[in-house]
Amino acid sequence: MIPAASSSSAATGTDAPAQAPLNILIALPTYDNSVHFDFAMALAGLMETFKERGIGFEYIHTASSHIIRARNFFANYFLSHPRFTHVLFLDTDMDFSREAIARLLAGDKPVAGIACPYRYFDVEKRITAEDAGLTLREWQEKTVDYNTAIRADAQGNSRVNAGWVEVNHIGTGIFLVRRDAMEAMAPLTQLYRPPAQYAAYLPDGRFYAFFDTVGEKGVYLSEDLSFCQRARAAGMPVWALIDEKIVHHGQSAISGTFMRSLERRGHVPGNSG
């Protein structure tokens, strides 16, 4: 079955100033075409922000149970259409502020994302004496896991600057990749013919396996960790914004800001901004 892989445009052509250099491909994977209402509102706010600032954008969507293949399709569609400067992956169960994506773009990093809480929570975790005075929401923000790992230097140090910190990896829930990063990764990535359901959208016949999973020291890595490993192998550092509040919707809404979680755990990297 051919998935609903569609591309629509807005804030391009006459809507965006001719001098505006940014043109963003917004990539929206879903399992069954469903999106959370809060995400829909956040996406509408993002589009309004792009329009106000003269940033060109288009979106592309596919419904697929094979998330790795879907992400590879988005990456290859982006690579084969040079009018795009960045590809922005957004999972459709996220809620974020109107300024969150603008901050990602302003950071001008080759690969960057926003630290997000996982949408599941370990109900066996216990409240301890150290948690006295925290609300239930604050305690959850402190103890939930997040989709990133801060990278330390040779001396074991790391530093946050205006919310930014270099990381080993960042999940693809809110994930921005610059064109030069994808182009640098391509020669190091396995190349295939496109799957039949995507071939019509990739007339150059190239399908790089950017998100195919790899192993590290005998451990199976997820598609986002595998992508970040490839990026760093291509000389492209990976960065995260860790001071944005993100809500991740699942059976319940898990809300958190990674920076505050680190502060409450007493694990804050050096802050220079």
C-alpha atoms as a PDB file:
ATOM      1  CA  MET A   1       0.000   0.000   0.000  1.00  0.00           C
ATOM      2  CA  ILE A   2       1.312   3.450  -0.905  1.00  0.00           C
ATOM      3  CA  PRO A   3       1.472   5.695   2.210  1.00  0.00           C
ATOM      4  CA  ALA A   4       0.015   9.181   2.301  1.00  0.00           C
ATOM      5  CA  ALA A   5       3.298  10.928   1.606  1.00  0.00           C
ATOM      6  CA  SER A   6       2.227  14.444   0.748  1.00  0.00           C
ATOM      7  CA  SER A   7       3.970  17.758   0.361  1.00  0.00           C
ATOM      8  CA  SER A   8       2.239  21.085   0.794  1.00  0.00           C
ATOM      9  CA  SER A   9       3.697  24.558   0.842  1.00  0.00           C
ATOM     10  CA  ALA A  10       3.035  27.773   2.676  1.00  0.00           C
ATOM     11  CA  ALA A  11       4.920  30.978   3.382  1.00  0.00           C
ATOM     12  CA  THR A  12       6.870  30.485   0.180  1.00  0.00           C
ATOM     13  CA  GLY A  13       6.820  32.345  -3.119  1.00  0.00           C
ATOM     14  CA  THR A  14       5.040  35.643  -2.645  1.00  0.00           C
ATOM     15  CA  ASP A  15       4.487  35.017   1.086  1.00  0.00           C
ATOM     16  CA  ALA A  16       8.207  35.115   1.962  1.00  0.00           C
ATOM     17  CA  PRO A  17      10.671  37.882   1.154  1.00  0.00           C
ATOM     18  CA  ALA A  18      12.947  37.002  -1.739  1.00  0.00           C
ATOM     19  CA  GLN A  19      16.005  37.579   0.439  1.00  0.00           C
ATOM     20  CA  ALA A  20      14.913  35.097   3.131  1.00  0.00           C
ATOM     21  CA  PRO A  21      17.547  32.328   3.033  1.00  0.00           C
ATOM     22  CA  LEU A  22      15.789  29.748   5.178  1.00  0.00           C
ATOM     23  CA  ASN A  23      13.484  27.147   3.685  1.00  0.00           C
ATOM     24  CA  ILE A  24      12.446  24.367   6.054  1.00  0.00           C
ATOM     25  CA  LEU A  25      11.082  20.932   5.188  1.00  0.00           C
ATOM     26  CA  ILE A  26       8.845  19.929   8.122  1.00  0.00           C
ATOM     27  CA  ALA A  27       8.776  16.123   8.283  1.00  0.00           C
ATOM     28  CA  LEU A  28       5.797  14.594  10.080  1.00  0.00           C
ATOM     29  CA  PRO A  29       5.770  10.820  10.598  1.00  0.00           C
ATOM     30  CA  THR A  30       2.663   9.130  11.985  1.00  0.00           C
ATOM     31  CA  TYR A  31       1.610   5.554  12.543  1.00  0.00           C
ATOM     32  CA  ASP A  32      -1.981   5.912  11.307  1.00  0.00           C
ATOM     33  CA  ASN A  33      -2.404   9.588  10.300  1.00  0.00           C
ATOM     34  CA  SER A  34      -3.302  10.531  13.889  1.00  0.00           C
ATOM     35  CA  VAL A  35      -1.883  13.628  15.590  1.00  0.00           C
ATOM     36  CA  HIS A  36      -2.442  14.925  19.116  1.00  0.00           C
ATOM     37  CA  PHE A  37      -4.565  18.063  19.334  1.00  0.00           C
ATOM     38  CA  ASP A  38      -1.902  19.916  21.336  1.00  0.00           C
ATOM     39  CA  PHE A  39       0.649  19.127  18.618  1.00  0.00           C
ATOM     40  CA  ALA A  40      -1.715  20.441  15.943  1.00  0.00           C
ATOM     41  CA  MET A  41      -1.996  23.710  17.848  1.00  0.00           C
ATOM     42  CA  ALA A  42       1.784  23.900  18.327  1.00  0.00           C
ATOM     43  CA  LEU A  43       2.323  23.264  14.601  1.00  0.00           C
ATOM     44  CA  ALA A  44      -0.178  25.994  13.716  1.00  0.00           C
ATOM     45  CA  GLY A  45       1.719  28.380  15.991  1.00  0.00           C
ATOM     46  CA  LEU A  46       5.009  27.385  14.375  1.00  0.00           C
ATOM     47  CA  MET A  47       3.640  28.082  10.901  1.00  0.00           C
ATOM     48  CA  GLU A  48       2.425  31.506  12.020  1.00  0.00           C
ATOM     49  CA  THR A  49       5.871  32.238  13.447  1.00  0.00           C
ATOM     50  CA  PHE A  50       7.533  31.228  10.180  1.00  0.00           C
ATOM     51  CA  LYS A  51       5.159  33.433   8.200  1.00  0.00           C
ATOM     52  CA  GLU A  52       5.753  36.416  10.472  1.00  0.00           C
ATOM     53  CA  ARG A  53       9.532  36.044  10.090  1.00  0.00           C
ATOM     54  CA  GLY A  54       9.573  35.370   6.361  1.00  0.00           C
ATOM     55  CA  ILE A  55      10.864  31.807   6.735  1.00  0.00           C
ATOM     56  CA  GLY A  56       9.928  29.504   3.881  1.00  0.00           C
ATOM     57  CA  PHE A  57       8.549  26.082   4.730  1.00  0.00           C
ATOM     58  CA  GLU A  58       6.817  23.061   3.334  1.00  0.00           C
ATOM     59  CA  TYR A  59       5.628  19.960   5.109  1.00  0.00           C
ATOM     60  CA  ILE A  60       5.733  16.316   4.166  1.00  0.00           C
ATOM     61  CA  HIS A  61       3.907  13.466   5.866  1.00  0.00           C
ATOM     62  CA  THR A  62       3.773   9.708   5.671  1.00  0.00           C
ATOM     63  CA  ALA A  63       1.793   7.202   7.717  1.00  0.00           C
ATOM     64  CA  SER A  64       3.852   4.098   8.275  1.00  0.00           C
ATOM     65  CA  SER A  65       4.413   1.415  10.890  1.00  0.00           C
ATOM     66  CA  HIS A  66       8.086   1.370   9.823  1.00  0.00           C
ATOM     67  CA  ILE A  67       9.459   4.509  11.471  1.00  0.00           C
ATOM     68  CA  ILE A  68      13.049   3.968  10.330  1.00  0.00           C
ATOM     69  CA  ARG A  69      12.020   3.713   6.695  1.00  0.00           C
ATOM     70  CA  ALA A  70       9.783   6.780   7.059  1.00  0.00           C
ATOM     71  CA  ARG A  71      12.587   8.876   8.547  1.00  0.00           C
ATOM     72  CA  ASN A  72      14.941   7.712   5.800  1.00  0.00           C
ATOM     73  CA  PHE A  73      12.364   8.762   3.216  1.00  0.00           C
ATOM     74  CA  PHE A  74      12.107  12.247   4.703  1.00  0.00           C
ATOM     75  CA  ALA A  75      15.897  12.613   4.807  1.00  0.00           C
ATOM     76  CA  ASN A  76      16.272  11.513   1.198  1.00  0.00           C
ATOM     77  CA  TYR A  77      13.424  13.706  -0.010  1.00  0.00           C
ATOM     78  CA  PHE A  78      15.160  16.634   1.681  1.00  0.00           C
ATOM     79  CA  LEU A  79      18.540  15.739   0.187  1.00  0.00           C
ATOM     80  CA  SER A  80      17.121  15.433  -3.333  1.00  0.00           C
ATOM     81  CA  HIS A  81      15.421  18.867  -3.198  1.00  0.00           C
ATOM     82  CA  PRO A  82      18.168  21.488  -2.816  1.00  0.00           C
ATOM     83  CA  ARG A  83      15.715  24.339  -2.270  1.00  0.00           C
ATOM     84  CA  PHE A  84      15.491  23.255   1.382  1.00  0.00           C
ATOM     85  CA  THR A  85      18.100  24.517   3.843  1.00  0.00           C
ATOM     86  CA  HIS A  86      16.990  22.371   6.803  1.00  0.00           C
ATOM     87  CA  VAL A  87      14.806  19.382   7.554  1.00  0.00           C
ATOM     88  CA  LEU A  88      12.803  19.572  10.780  1.00  0.00           C
ATOM     89  CA  PHE A  89      11.543  16.272  12.184  1.00  0.00           C
ATOM     90  CA  LEU A  90       8.545  16.657  14.496  1.00  0.00           C
ATOM     91  CA  ASP A  91       6.804  13.791  16.254  1.00  0.00           C
ATOM     92  CA  THR A  92       3.086  14.431  16.318  1.00  0.00           C
ATOM     93  CA  ASP A  93       2.663  13.758  20.044  1.00  0.00           C
ATOM     94  CA  MET A  94       4.771  16.742  21.160  1.00  0.00           C
ATOM     95  CA  ASP A  95       3.753  20.154  22.478  1.00  0.00           C
ATOM     96  CA  PHE A  96       6.259  23.005  22.379  1.00  0.00           C
ATOM     97  CA  SER A  97       6.396  26.789  22.645  1.00  0.00           C
ATOM     98  CA  ARG A  98       6.176  29.154  19.687  1.00  0.00           C
ATOM     99  CA  GLU A  99       9.803  30.172  20.184  1.00  0.00           C
ATOM    100  CA  ALA A 100      11.263  26.670  20.532  1.00  0.00           C
ATOM    101  CA  ILE A 101      11.888  25.982  16.829  1.00  0.00           C
ATOM    102  CA  ALA A 102      12.961  29.571  16.172  1.00  0.00           C
ATOM    103  CA  ARG A 103      15.658  29.050  18.817  1.00  0.00           C
ATOM    104  CA  LEU A 104      16.791  25.853  17.116  1.00  0.00           C
ATOM    105  CA  LEU A 105      17.179  27.714  13.829  1.00  0.00           C
ATOM    106  CA  ALA A 106      18.900  30.690  15.433  1.00  0.00           C
ATOM    107  CA  GLY A 107      21.473  28.361  16.990  1.00  0.00           C
ATOM    108  CA  ASP A 108      22.691  27.480  13.474  1.00  0.00           C
ATOM    109  CA  LYS A 109      23.965  24.029  14.500  1.00  0.00           C
ATOM    110  CA  PRO A 110      24.522  21.276  11.905  1.00  0.00           C
ATOM    111  CA  VAL A 111      22.479  18.754  13.920  1.00  0.00           C
ATOM    112  CA  ALA A 112      20.326  19.886  16.837  1.00  0.00           C
ATOM    113  CA  GLY A 113      17.287  18.935  18.829  1.00  0.00           C
ATOM    114  CA  ILE A 114      15.338  19.823  21.929  1.00  0.00           C
ATOM    115  CA  ALA A 115      15.639  17.557  24.956  1.00  0.00           C
ATOM    116  CA  CYS A 116      12.255  15.918  25.498  1.00  0.00           C
ATOM    117  CA  PRO A 117      10.928  13.739  28.312  1.00  0.00           C
ATOM    118  CA  TYR A 118       9.986  10.201  27.365  1.00  0.00           C
ATOM    119  CA  ARG A 119       6.248   9.661  27.368  1.00  0.00           C
ATOM    120  CA  TYR A 120       6.387   6.771  29.794  1.00  0.00           C
ATOM    121  CA  PHE A 121       7.089   6.956  33.482  1.00  0.00           C
ATOM    122  CA  ASP A 122       8.390   4.323  35.899  1.00  0.00           C
ATOM    123  CA  VAL A 123       5.559   4.005  38.406  1.00  0.00           C
ATOM    124  CA  GLU A 124       7.851   2.091  40.769  1.00  0.00           C
ATOM    125  CA  LYS A 125      10.021   5.155  41.430  1.00  0.00           C
ATOM    126  CA  ARG A 126       9.837   6.296  45.033  1.00  0.00           C
ATOM    127  CA  ILE A 127       9.606   9.750  46.549  1.00  0.00           C
ATOM    128  CA  THR A 128      12.543  10.333  48.889  1.00  0.00           C
ATOM    129  CA  ALA A 129      13.397  12.883  51.561  1.00  0.00           C
ATOM    130  CA  GLU A 130      15.355  14.833  48.945  1.00  0.00           C
ATOM    131  CA  ASP A 131      12.077  15.463  47.115  1.00  0.00           C
ATOM    132  CA  ALA A 132      10.433  17.282  50.028  1.00  0.00           C
ATOM    133  CA  GLY A 133       8.686  20.446  48.874  1.00  0.00           C
ATOM    134  CA  LEU A 134       8.330  19.406  45.224  1.00  0.00           C
ATOM    135  CA  THR A 135       4.923  19.268  43.625  1.00  0.00           C
ATOM    136  CA  LEU A 136       3.986  16.028  41.899  1.00  0.00           C
ATOM    137  CA  ARG A 137       4.649  17.653  38.526  1.00  0.00           C
ATOM    138  CA  GLU A 138       8.067  18.910  39.649  1.00  0.00           C
ATOM    139  CA  TRP A 139       8.951  15.480  41.025  1.00  0.00           C
ATOM    140  CA  GLN A 140       7.955  13.863  37.745  1.00  0.00           C
ATOM    141  CA  GLU A 141      10.010  16.402  35.791  1.00  0.00           C
ATOM    142  CA  LYS A 142      13.007  15.581  37.991  1.00  0.00           C
ATOM    143  CA  THR A 143      12.771  11.807  37.790  1.00  0.00           C
ATOM    144  CA  VAL A 144      11.555  11.102  34.253  1.00  0.00           C
ATOM    145  CA  ASP A 145      14.131  10.114  31.618  1.00  0.00           C
ATOM    146  CA  TYR A 146      15.008  12.430  28.714  1.00  0.00           C
ATOM    147  CA  ASN A 147      16.039  11.610  25.149  1.00  0.00           C
ATOM    148  CA  THR A 148      19.602  12.922  25.202  1.00  0.00           C
ATOM    149  CA  ALA A 149      23.040  12.394  26.732  1.00  0.00           C
ATOM    150  CA  ILE A 150      25.336  15.347  27.381  1.00  0.00           C
ATOM    151  CA  ARG A 151      28.817  15.013  25.915  1.00  0.00           C
ATOM    152  CA  ALA A 152      31.822  15.604  28.181  1.00  0.00           C
ATOM    153  CA  ASP A 153      35.303  16.723  27.175  1.00  0.00           C
ATOM    154  CA  ALA A 154      38.523  14.847  27.931  1.00  0.00           C
ATOM    155  CA  GLN A 155      38.480  16.199  31.486  1.00  0.00           C
ATOM    156  CA  GLY A 156      34.908  15.026  32.031  1.00  0.00           C
ATOM    157  CA  ASN A 157      33.450  18.539  31.834  1.00  0.00           C
ATOM    158  CA  SER A 158      30.580  19.966  29.816  1.00  0.00           C
ATOM    159  CA  ARG A 159      29.177  23.461  29.548  1.00  0.00           C
ATOM    160  CA  VAL A 160      25.772  24.955  28.833  1.00  0.00           C
ATOM    161  CA  ASN A 161      25.663  28.229  26.911  1.00  0.00           C
ATOM    162  CA  ALA A 162      22.277  29.983  26.646  1.00  0.00           C
ATOM    163  CA  GLY A 163      20.534  26.626  26.924  1.00  0.00           C
ATOM    164  CA  TRP A 164      22.784  24.890  24.376  1.00  0.00           C
ATOM    165  CA  VAL A 165      25.056  21.949  25.163  1.00  0.00           C
ATOM    166  CA  GLU A 166      26.887  19.464  22.950  1.00  0.00           C
ATOM    167  CA  VAL A 167      25.525  15.928  23.279  1.00  0.00           C
ATOM    168  CA  ASN A 168      26.359  12.393  22.214  1.00  0.00           C
ATOM    169  CA  HIS A 169      22.866  12.056  20.823  1.00  0.00           C
ATOM    170  CA  ILE A 170      19.443  13.684  20.830  1.00  0.00           C
ATOM    171  CA  GLY A 171      16.130  12.037  19.972  1.00  0.00           C
ATOM    172  CA  THR A 172      14.243  12.888  16.820  1.00  0.00           C
ATOM    173  CA  GLY A 173      11.028  14.099  18.489  1.00  0.00           C
ATOM    174  CA  ILE A 174      12.057  17.716  17.747  1.00  0.00           C
ATOM    175  CA  PHE A 175      15.120  17.442  15.535  1.00  0.00           C
ATOM    176  CA  LEU A 176      16.701  19.854  13.039  1.00  0.00           C
ATOM    177  CA  VAL A 177      19.357  18.942  10.455  1.00  0.00           C
ATOM    178  CA  ARG A 178      21.171  21.435   8.249  1.00  0.00           C
ATOM    179  CA  ARG A 179      21.828  20.591   4.579  1.00  0.00           C
ATOM    180  CA  ASP A 180      25.621  20.542   4.902  1.00  0.00           C
ATOM    181  CA  ALA A 181      25.354  17.929   7.663  1.00  0.00           C
ATOM    182  CA  MET A 182      23.217  15.601   5.551  1.00  0.00           C
ATOM    183  CA  GLU A 183      25.527  16.049   2.569  1.00  0.00           C
ATOM    184  CA  ALA A 184      28.567  15.253   4.719  1.00  0.00           C
ATOM    185  CA  MET A 185      26.903  12.097   6.033  1.00  0.00           C
ATOM    186  CA  ALA A 186      25.802  10.732   2.653  1.00  0.00           C
ATOM    187  CA  PRO A 187      29.204   9.364   1.495  1.00  0.00           C
ATOM    188  CA  LEU A 188      29.506   7.449   4.779  1.00  0.00           C
ATOM    189  CA  THR A 189      26.013   5.956   4.561  1.00  0.00           C
ATOM    190  CA  GLN A 190      24.784   2.835   2.778  1.00  0.00           C
ATOM    191  CA  LEU A 191      23.005   3.684  -0.475  1.00  0.00           C
ATOM    192  CA  TYR A 192      20.004   1.697  -1.791  1.00  0.00           C
ATOM    193  CA  ARG A 193      17.359   2.002  -4.454  1.00  0.00           C
ATOM    194  CA  PRO A 194      14.209   3.619  -3.011  1.00  0.00           C
ATOM    195  CA  PRO A 195      11.477   1.321  -1.658  1.00  0.00           C
ATOM    196  CA  ALA A 196       8.652   1.002  -4.149  1.00  0.00           C
ATOM    197  CA  GLN A 197       6.206   3.109  -2.149  1.00  0.00           C
ATOM    198  CA  TYR A 198       8.616   6.067  -2.139  1.00  0.00           C
ATOM    199  CA  ALA A 199      10.241   5.734  -5.570  1.00  0.00           C
ATOM    200  CA  ALA A 200       7.933   8.247  -7.266  1.00  0.00           C
ATOM    201  CA  TYR A 201       8.975  10.931  -4.772  1.00  0.00           C
ATOM    202  CA  LEU A 202      12.704  10.292  -5.245  1.00  0.00           C
ATOM    203  CA  PRO A 203      13.332  10.559  -8.994  1.00  0.00           C
ATOM    204  CA  ASP A 204      17.122  10.544  -8.538  1.00  0.00           C
ATOM    205  CA  GLY A 205      16.838   6.904  -7.431  1.00  0.00           C
ATOM    206  CA  ARG A 206      18.875   7.359  -4.253  1.00  0.00           C
ATOM    207  CA  PHE A 207      17.865   6.142  -0.816  1.00  0.00           C
ATOM    208  CA  TYR A 208      20.530   6.605   1.852  1.00  0.00           C
ATOM    209  CA  ALA A 209      20.029   4.639   5.053  1.00  0.00           C
ATOM    210  CA  PHE A 210      20.663   7.602   7.368  1.00  0.00           C
ATOM    211  CA  PHE A 211      18.534   6.191  10.181  1.00  0.00           C
ATOM    212  CA  ASP A 212      19.252   2.476   9.808  1.00  0.00           C
ATOM    213  CA  THR A 213      20.251   1.090  13.156  1.00  0.00           C
ATOM    214  CA  VAL A 214      23.796   0.136  14.083  1.00  0.00           C
ATOM    215  CA  GLY A 215      25.460  -1.475  17.071  1.00  0.00           C
ATOM    216  CA  GLU A 216      28.043  -0.047  19.423  1.00  0.00           C
ATOM    217  CA  LYS A 217      30.111  -2.332  21.681  1.00  0.00           C
ATOM    218  CA  GLY A 218      27.552  -5.060  21.197  1.00  0.00           C
ATOM    219  CA  VAL A 219      24.607  -2.795  22.056  1.00  0.00           C
ATOM    220  CA  TYR A 220      21.765  -2.229  19.577  1.00  0.00           C
ATOM    221  CA  LEU A 221      21.228   1.497  18.989  1.00  0.00           C
ATOM    222  CA  SER A 222      17.907   3.125  18.118  1.00  0.00           C
ATOM    223  CA  GLU A 223      17.499   5.015  14.849  1.00  0.00           C
ATOM    224  CA  ASP A 224      18.087   8.435  16.450  1.00  0.00           C
ATOM    225  CA  LEU A 225      21.278   7.326  18.214  1.00  0.00           C
ATOM    226  CA  SER A 226      22.443   5.696  14.972  1.00  0.00           C
ATOM    227  CA  PHE A 227      21.845   8.910  13.012  1.00  0.00           C
ATOM    228  CA  CYS A 228      23.767  10.964  15.575  1.00  0.00           C
ATOM    229  CA  GLN A 229      26.633   8.478  15.507  1.00  0.00           C
ATOM    230  CA  ARG A 230      26.843   8.875  11.723  1.00  0.00           C
ATOM    231  CA  ALA A 231      26.730  12.665  12.029  1.00  0.00           C
ATOM    232  CA  ARG A 232      29.617  12.743  14.474  1.00  0.00           C
ATOM    233  CA  ALA A 233      31.588  10.309  12.290  1.00  0.00           C
ATOM    234  CA  ALA A 234      31.148  12.847   9.455  1.00  0.00           C
ATOM    235  CA  GLY A 235      32.608  15.592  11.649  1.00  0.00           C
ATOM    236  CA  MET A 236      29.249  17.169  12.479  1.00  0.00           C
ATOM    237  CA  PRO A 237      28.723  17.823  16.200  1.00  0.00           C
ATOM    238  CA  VAL A 238      25.304  17.190  17.717  1.00  0.00           C
ATOM    239  CA  TRP A 239      23.687  19.781  19.984  1.00  0.00           C
ATOM    240  CA  ALA A 240      20.672  20.057  22.246  1.00  0.00           C
ATOM    241  CA  LEU A 241      18.596  22.836  23.701  1.00  0.00           C
ATOM    242  CA  ILE A 242      17.900  21.730  27.262  1.00  0.00           C
ATOM    243  CA  ASP A 243      15.984  24.679  28.724  1.00  0.00           C
ATOM    244  CA  GLU A 244      12.754  24.384  26.715  1.00  0.00           C
ATOM    245  CA  LYS A 245       9.654  22.913  28.354  1.00  0.00           C
ATOM    246  CA  ILE A 246       8.265  20.050  26.258  1.00  0.00           C
ATOM    247  CA  VAL A 247       5.093  18.036  26.805  1.00  0.00           C
ATOM    248  CA  HIS A 248       5.157  14.475  25.444  1.00  0.00           C
ATOM    249  CA  HIS A 249       1.740  12.865  25.101  1.00  0.00           C
ATOM    250  CA  GLY A 250       1.144   9.152  25.565  1.00  0.00           C
ATOM    251  CA  GLN A 251      -1.265   7.439  27.932  1.00  0.00           C
ATOM    252  CA  SER A 252      -0.668  10.557  30.022  1.00  0.00           C
ATOM    253  CA  ALA A 253       1.052  13.888  29.373  1.00  0.00           C
ATOM    254  CA  ILE A 254       4.670  13.919  30.560  1.00  0.00           C
ATOM    255  CA  SER A 255       5.942  17.477  30.896  1.00  0.00           C
ATOM    256  CA  GLY A 256       9.512  18.479  31.563  1.00  0.00           C
ATOM    257  CA  THR A 257      12.489  20.772  31.063  1.00  0.00           C
ATOM    258  CA  PHE A 258      15.749  18.839  31.045  1.00  0.00           C
ATOM    259  CA  MET A 259      17.749  21.705  32.557  1.00  0.00           C
ATOM    260  CA  ARG A 260      15.442  21.882  35.581  1.00  0.00           C
ATOM    261  CA  SER A 261      15.588  18.110  35.927  1.00  0.00           C
ATOM    262  CA  LEU A 262      19.391  18.269  36.046  1.00  0.00           C
ATOM    263  CA  GLU A 263      19.293  21.118  38.566  1.00  0.00           C
ATOM    264  CA  ARG A 264      17.010  19.148  40.878  1.00  0.00           C
ATOM    265  CA  ARG A 265      19.268  16.110  40.582  1.00  0.00           C
ATOM    266  CA  GLY A 266      22.355  18.226  41.296  1.00  0.00           C
ATOM    267  CA  HIS A 267      23.932  17.351  37.955  1.00  0.00           C
ATOM    268  CA  VAL A 268      24.041  20.712  36.193  1.00  0.00           C
ATOM    269  CA  PRO A 269      26.912  21.205  33.710  1.00  0.00           C
ATOM    270  CA  GLY A 270      28.850  24.469  33.867  1.00  0.00           C
ATOM    271  CA  ASN A 271      26.728  27.350  32.586  1.00  0.00           C
ATOM    272  CA  SER A 272      28.368  30.100  30.564  1.00  0.00           C
ATOM    273  CA  GLY A 273      25.264  31.857  29.359  1.00  0.00           C
END
